[in-house]
Amino acid sequence: MQKWEYLVVPLQEAGGLRKSGDMTPDRLNELGSEGWEAVGLTLKKGDLVAWPVVLLKRPVD
């Protein structure tokens, strides 16, 4: 059975609020070259706001 590892990366800007992380197309391409595949987009809820995050996965040997 294939095993996976997962990574959740916040988008750089959401609703004018800056969050940690540097998710740009270039960064996504860099992660892709490391074997990561973007498989989803969701909202991560904080105390007062929610911001989008990219869900990535890659196979584990």
PDB file of N, CA and C in Angstrom:
ATOM      1  N   MET A   1       0.843  -1.175   0.000  1.00  0.00           N
ATOM      2  CA  MET A   1       0.000   0.000   0.000  1.00  0.00           C
ATOM      3  C   MET A   1       0.895   1.248   0.000  1.00  0.00           C
ATOM      4  N   GLN A   2       0.543   2.212  -0.840  1.00  0.00           N
ATOM      5  CA  GLN A   2       1.292   3.467  -0.914  1.00  0.00           C
ATOM      6  C   GLN A   2       1.101   4.268   0.371  1.00  0.00           C
ATOM      7  N   LYS A   3       2.200   4.809   0.895  1.00  0.00           N
ATOM      8  CA  LYS A   3       2.128   5.696   2.063  1.00  0.00           C
ATOM      9  C   LYS A   3       2.453   7.108   1.609  1.00  0.00           C
ATOM     10  N   TRP A   4       1.835   8.082   2.290  1.00  0.00           N
ATOM     11  CA  TRP A   4       1.964   9.487   1.915  1.00  0.00           C
ATOM     12  C   TRP A   4       2.404  10.323   3.110  1.00  0.00           C
ATOM     13  N   GLU A   5       3.092  11.418   2.821  1.00  0.00           N
ATOM     14  CA  GLU A   5       3.310  12.448   3.833  1.00  0.00           C
ATOM     15  C   GLU A   5       2.610  13.696   3.332  1.00  0.00           C
ATOM     16  N   TYR A   6       2.183  14.526   4.269  1.00  0.00           N
ATOM     17  CA  TYR A   6       1.357  15.680   3.935  1.00  0.00           C
ATOM     18  C   TYR A   6       1.992  16.964   4.459  1.00  0.00           C
ATOM     19  N   LEU A   7       1.680  18.069   3.789  1.00  0.00           N
ATOM     20  CA  LEU A   7       2.176  19.386   4.158  1.00  0.00           C
ATOM     21  C   LEU A   7       1.033  20.374   3.989  1.00  0.00           C
ATOM     22  N   VAL A   8       0.841  21.250   4.967  1.00  0.00           N
ATOM     23  CA  VAL A   8      -0.165  22.305   4.902  1.00  0.00           C
ATOM     24  C   VAL A   8       0.586  23.632   4.893  1.00  0.00           C
ATOM     25  N   VAL A   9       0.392  24.411   3.829  1.00  0.00           N
ATOM     26  CA  VAL A   9       1.138  25.658   3.659  1.00  0.00           C
ATOM     27  C   VAL A   9       0.165  26.820   3.525  1.00  0.00           C
ATOM     28  N   PRO A  10       0.263  27.834   4.415  1.00  0.00           N
ATOM     29  CA  PRO A  10      -0.643  28.991   4.308  1.00  0.00           C
ATOM     30  C   PRO A  10      -0.317  29.835   3.081  1.00  0.00           C
ATOM     31  N   LEU A  11      -1.348  30.415   2.479  1.00  0.00           N
ATOM     32  CA  LEU A  11      -1.135  31.365   1.399  1.00  0.00           C
ATOM     33  C   LEU A  11      -0.565  32.650   1.976  1.00  0.00           C
ATOM     34  N   GLN A  12       0.187  33.372   1.170  1.00  0.00           N
ATOM     35  CA  GLN A  12       0.889  34.557   1.669  1.00  0.00           C
ATOM     36  C   GLN A  12      -0.059  35.674   2.084  1.00  0.00           C
ATOM     37  N   GLU A  13      -1.103  35.897   1.300  1.00  0.00           N
ATOM     38  CA  GLU A  13      -2.037  36.970   1.630  1.00  0.00           C
ATOM     39  C   GLU A  13      -3.462  36.448   1.594  1.00  0.00           C
ATOM     40  N   ALA A  14      -4.248  36.865   2.552  1.00  0.00           N
ATOM     41  CA  ALA A  14      -5.665  36.483   2.575  1.00  0.00           C
ATOM     42  C   ALA A  14      -6.452  37.650   3.143  1.00  0.00           C
ATOM     43  N   GLY A  15      -7.307  38.214   2.347  1.00  0.00           N
ATOM     44  CA  GLY A  15      -8.143  39.319   2.815  1.00  0.00           C
ATOM     45  C   GLY A  15      -7.353  40.505   3.321  1.00  0.00           C
ATOM     46  N   GLY A  16      -6.169  40.741   2.753  1.00  0.00           N
ATOM     47  CA  GLY A  16      -5.348  41.876   3.168  1.00  0.00           C
ATOM     48  C   GLY A  16      -4.503  41.593   4.394  1.00  0.00           C
ATOM     49  N   LEU A  17      -4.656  40.427   5.008  1.00  0.00           N
ATOM     50  CA  LEU A  17      -3.846  40.077   6.169  1.00  0.00           C
ATOM     51  C   LEU A  17      -2.665  39.234   5.716  1.00  0.00           C
ATOM     52  N   ARG A  18      -1.500  39.549   6.194  1.00  0.00           N
ATOM     53  CA  ARG A  18      -0.321  38.782   5.809  1.00  0.00           C
ATOM     54  C   ARG A  18      -0.113  37.655   6.812  1.00  0.00           C
ATOM     55  N   LYS A  19       0.096  36.471   6.290  1.00  0.00           N
ATOM     56  CA  LYS A  19       0.348  35.296   7.118  1.00  0.00           C
ATOM     57  C   LYS A  19       1.737  34.794   6.810  1.00  0.00           C
ATOM     58  N   SER A  20       2.321  34.016   7.715  1.00  0.00           N
ATOM     59  CA  SER A  20       3.634  33.453   7.446  1.00  0.00           C
ATOM     60  C   SER A  20       3.526  32.484   6.283  1.00  0.00           C
ATOM     61  N   GLY A  21       4.570  32.394   5.514  1.00  0.00           N
ATOM     62  CA  GLY A  21       4.574  31.520   4.344  1.00  0.00           C
ATOM     63  C   GLY A  21       4.756  32.348   3.082  1.00  0.00           C
ATOM     64  N   ASP A  22       5.212  31.709   2.035  1.00  0.00           N
ATOM     65  CA  ASP A  22       5.493  32.438   0.804  1.00  0.00           C
ATOM     66  C   ASP A  22       4.963  31.653  -0.387  1.00  0.00           C
ATOM     67  N   MET A  23       3.676  31.378  -0.399  1.00  0.00           N
ATOM     68  CA  MET A  23       3.077  30.552  -1.434  1.00  0.00           C
ATOM     69  C   MET A  23       2.856  31.380  -2.695  1.00  0.00           C
ATOM     70  N   THR A  24       3.741  31.222  -3.655  1.00  0.00           N
ATOM     71  CA  THR A  24       3.647  31.848  -4.971  1.00  0.00           C
ATOM     72  C   THR A  24       3.714  30.730  -5.999  1.00  0.00           C
ATOM     73  N   PRO A  25       3.400  31.024  -7.264  1.00  0.00           N
ATOM     74  CA  PRO A  25       3.561  29.974  -8.280  1.00  0.00           C
ATOM     75  C   PRO A  25       4.976  29.410  -8.315  1.00  0.00           C
ATOM     76  N   ASP A  26       5.979  30.269  -8.152  1.00  0.00           N
ATOM     77  CA  ASP A  26       7.365  29.782  -8.137  1.00  0.00           C
ATOM     78  C   ASP A  26       7.604  28.835  -6.969  1.00  0.00           C
ATOM     79  N   ARG A  27       7.058  29.171  -5.816  1.00  0.00           N
ATOM     80  CA  ARG A  27       7.208  28.306  -4.636  1.00  0.00           C
ATOM     81  C   ARG A  27       6.497  26.971  -4.859  1.00  0.00           C
ATOM     82  N   LEU A  28       5.297  27.006  -5.464  1.00  0.00           N
ATOM     83  CA  LEU A  28       4.593  25.760  -5.766  1.00  0.00           C
ATOM     84  C   LEU A  28       5.407  24.906  -6.737  1.00  0.00           C
ATOM     85  N   ASN A  29       6.027  25.533  -7.743  1.00  0.00           N
ATOM     86  CA  ASN A  29       6.868  24.791  -8.688  1.00  0.00           C
ATOM     87  C   ASN A  29       8.075  24.181  -7.977  1.00  0.00           C
ATOM     88  N   GLU A  30       8.644  24.917  -7.044  1.00  0.00           N
ATOM     89  CA  GLU A  30       9.776  24.406  -6.270  1.00  0.00           C
ATOM     90  C   GLU A  30       9.356  23.188  -5.446  1.00  0.00           C
ATOM     91  N   LEU A  31       8.219  23.284  -4.775  1.00  0.00           N
ATOM     92  CA  LEU A  31       7.712  22.153  -4.005  1.00  0.00           C
ATOM     93  C   LEU A  31       7.392  20.972  -4.914  1.00  0.00           C
ATOM     94  N   GLY A  32       6.866  21.259  -6.122  1.00  0.00           N
ATOM     95  CA  GLY A  32       6.585  20.197  -7.082  1.00  0.00           C
ATOM     96  C   GLY A  32       7.847  19.459  -7.489  1.00  0.00           C
ATOM     97  N   SER A  33       8.944  20.192  -7.652  1.00  0.00           N
ATOM     98  CA  SER A  33      10.210  19.540  -8.019  1.00  0.00           C
ATOM     99  C   SER A  33      10.755  18.687  -6.881  1.00  0.00           C
ATOM    100  N   GLU A  34      10.257  18.923  -5.663  1.00  0.00           N
ATOM    101  CA  GLU A  34      10.641  18.111  -4.503  1.00  0.00           C
ATOM    102  C   GLU A  34       9.681  16.938  -4.303  1.00  0.00           C
ATOM    103  N   GLY A  35       8.740  16.768  -5.243  1.00  0.00           N
ATOM    104  CA  GLY A  35       7.823  15.639  -5.185  1.00  0.00           C
ATOM    105  C   GLY A  35       6.467  15.938  -4.571  1.00  0.00           C
ATOM    106  N   TRP A  36       6.242  17.189  -4.131  1.00  0.00           N
ATOM    107  CA  TRP A  36       4.964  17.555  -3.531  1.00  0.00           C
ATOM    108  C   TRP A  36       3.932  17.804  -4.622  1.00  0.00           C
ATOM    109  N   GLU A  37       2.704  17.392  -4.379  1.00  0.00           N
ATOM    110  CA  GLU A  37       1.585  17.613  -5.293  1.00  0.00           C
ATOM    111  C   GLU A  37       0.480  18.334  -4.525  1.00  0.00           C
ATOM    112  N   ALA A  38       0.019  19.471  -5.079  1.00  0.00           N
ATOM    113  CA  ALA A  38      -1.093  20.193  -4.458  1.00  0.00           C
ATOM    114  C   ALA A  38      -2.367  19.390  -4.701  1.00  0.00           C
ATOM    115  N   VAL A  39      -3.058  19.057  -3.610  1.00  0.00           N
ATOM    116  CA  VAL A  39      -4.256  18.216  -3.725  1.00  0.00           C
ATOM    117  C   VAL A  39      -5.509  18.901  -3.197  1.00  0.00           C
ATOM    118  N   GLY A  40      -5.367  20.093  -2.646  1.00  0.00           N
ATOM    119  CA  GLY A  40      -6.548  20.764  -2.134  1.00  0.00           C
ATOM    120  C   GLY A  40      -6.257  22.151  -1.616  1.00  0.00           C
ATOM    121  N   LEU A  41      -7.327  22.860  -1.366  1.00  0.00           N
ATOM    122  CA  LEU A  41      -7.272  24.197  -0.806  1.00  0.00           C
ATOM    123  C   LEU A  41      -8.388  24.270   0.229  1.00  0.00           C
ATOM    124  N   THR A  42      -8.072  24.794   1.401  1.00  0.00           N
ATOM    125  CA  THR A  42      -9.082  24.880   2.454  1.00  0.00           C
ATOM    126  C   THR A  42      -8.821  26.122   3.292  1.00  0.00           C
ATOM    127  N   LEU A  43      -9.673  26.359   4.261  1.00  0.00           N
ATOM    128  CA  LEU A  43      -9.496  27.481   5.180  1.00  0.00           C
ATOM    129  C   LEU A  43      -9.004  26.970   6.525  1.00  0.00           C
ATOM    130  N   LYS A  44      -8.008  27.652   7.068  1.00  0.00           N
ATOM    131  CA  LYS A  44      -7.541  27.367   8.426  1.00  0.00           C
ATOM    132  C   LYS A  44      -8.099  28.467   9.306  1.00  0.00           C
ATOM    133  N   LYS A  45      -8.782  28.071  10.363  1.00  0.00           N
ATOM    134  CA  LYS A  45      -9.421  29.047  11.242  1.00  0.00           C
ATOM    135  C   LYS A  45      -8.485  29.441  12.374  1.00  0.00           C
ATOM    136  N   GLY A  46      -8.375  30.751  12.573  1.00  0.00           N
ATOM    137  CA  GLY A  46      -7.623  31.288  13.691  1.00  0.00           C
ATOM    138  C   GLY A  46      -8.582  31.794  14.745  1.00  0.00           C
ATOM    139  N   ASP A  47      -8.091  32.646  15.636  1.00  0.00           N
ATOM    140  CA  ASP A  47      -8.934  33.185  16.697  1.00  0.00           C
ATOM    141  C   ASP A  47     -10.072  34.040  16.147  1.00  0.00           C
ATOM    142  N   LEU A  48      -9.741  34.940  15.218  1.00  0.00           N
ATOM    143  CA  LEU A  48     -10.753  35.867  14.708  1.00  0.00           C
ATOM    144  C   LEU A  48     -10.958  35.782  13.202  1.00  0.00           C
ATOM    145  N   VAL A  49     -10.026  35.152  12.482  1.00  0.00           N
ATOM    146  CA  VAL A  49     -10.106  35.106  11.026  1.00  0.00           C
ATOM    147  C   VAL A  49      -9.807  33.696  10.534  1.00  0.00           C
ATOM    148  N   ALA A  50     -10.090  33.477   9.261  1.00  0.00           N
ATOM    149  CA  ALA A  50      -9.716  32.242   8.589  1.00  0.00           C
ATOM    150  C   ALA A  50      -8.946  32.636   7.331  1.00  0.00           C
ATOM    151  N   TRP A  51      -7.941  31.853   6.977  1.00  0.00           N
ATOM    152  CA  TRP A  51      -7.178  32.148   5.778  1.00  0.00           C
ATOM    153  C   TRP A  51      -6.946  30.852   5.003  1.00  0.00           C
ATOM    154  N   PRO A  52      -6.769  30.971   3.669  1.00  0.00           N
ATOM    155  CA  PRO A  52      -6.610  29.771   2.851  1.00  0.00           C
ATOM    156  C   PRO A  52      -5.241  29.122   3.029  1.00  0.00           C
ATOM    157  N   VAL A  53      -5.231  27.811   2.961  1.00  0.00           N
ATOM    158  CA  VAL A  53      -3.998  27.031   2.981  1.00  0.00           C
ATOM    159  C   VAL A  53      -4.046  26.019   1.841  1.00  0.00           C
ATOM    160  N   VAL A  54      -2.881  25.690   1.313  1.00  0.00           N
ATOM    161  CA  VAL A  54      -2.754  24.681   0.267  1.00  0.00           C
ATOM    162  C   VAL A  54      -2.373  23.370   0.937  1.00  0.00           C
ATOM    163  N   LEU A  55      -3.058  22.288   0.551  1.00  0.00           N
ATOM    164  CA  LEU A  55      -2.750  20.957   1.057  1.00  0.00           C
ATOM    165  C   LEU A  55      -1.908  20.247   0.012  1.00  0.00           C
ATOM    166  N   LEU A  56      -0.762  19.693   0.438  1.00  0.00           N
ATOM    167  CA  LEU A  56       0.129  18.990  -0.468  1.00  0.00           C
ATOM    168  C   LEU A  56       0.405  17.585   0.061  1.00  0.00           C
ATOM    169  N   LYS A  57       0.741  16.681  -0.863  1.00  0.00           N
ATOM    170  CA  LYS A  57       1.147  15.339  -0.447  1.00  0.00           C
ATOM    171  C   LYS A  57       2.236  14.841  -1.376  1.00  0.00           C
ATOM    172  N   ARG A  58       3.036  13.873  -0.875  1.00  0.00           N
ATOM    173  CA  ARG A  58       4.015  13.190  -1.707  1.00  0.00           C
ATOM    174  C   ARG A  58       4.216  11.791  -1.171  1.00  0.00           C
ATOM    175  N   PRO A  59       4.585  10.863  -2.039  1.00  0.00           N
ATOM    176  CA  PRO A  59       4.760   9.487  -1.587  1.00  0.00           C
ATOM    177  C   PRO A  59       5.960   9.347  -0.665  1.00  0.00           C
ATOM    178  N   VAL A  60       5.841   8.431   0.268  1.00  0.00           N
ATOM    179  CA  VAL A  60       6.929   8.091   1.174  1.00  0.00           C
ATOM    180  C   VAL A  60       7.484   6.751   0.717  1.00  0.00           C
ATOM    181  N   ASP A  61       8.787   6.671   0.592  1.00  0.00           N
ATOM    182  CA  ASP A  61       9.416   5.404   0.164  1.00  0.00           C
ATOM    183  C   ASP A  61       9.320   4.347   1.213  1.00  0.00           C
TER     184      ASP A  61
END
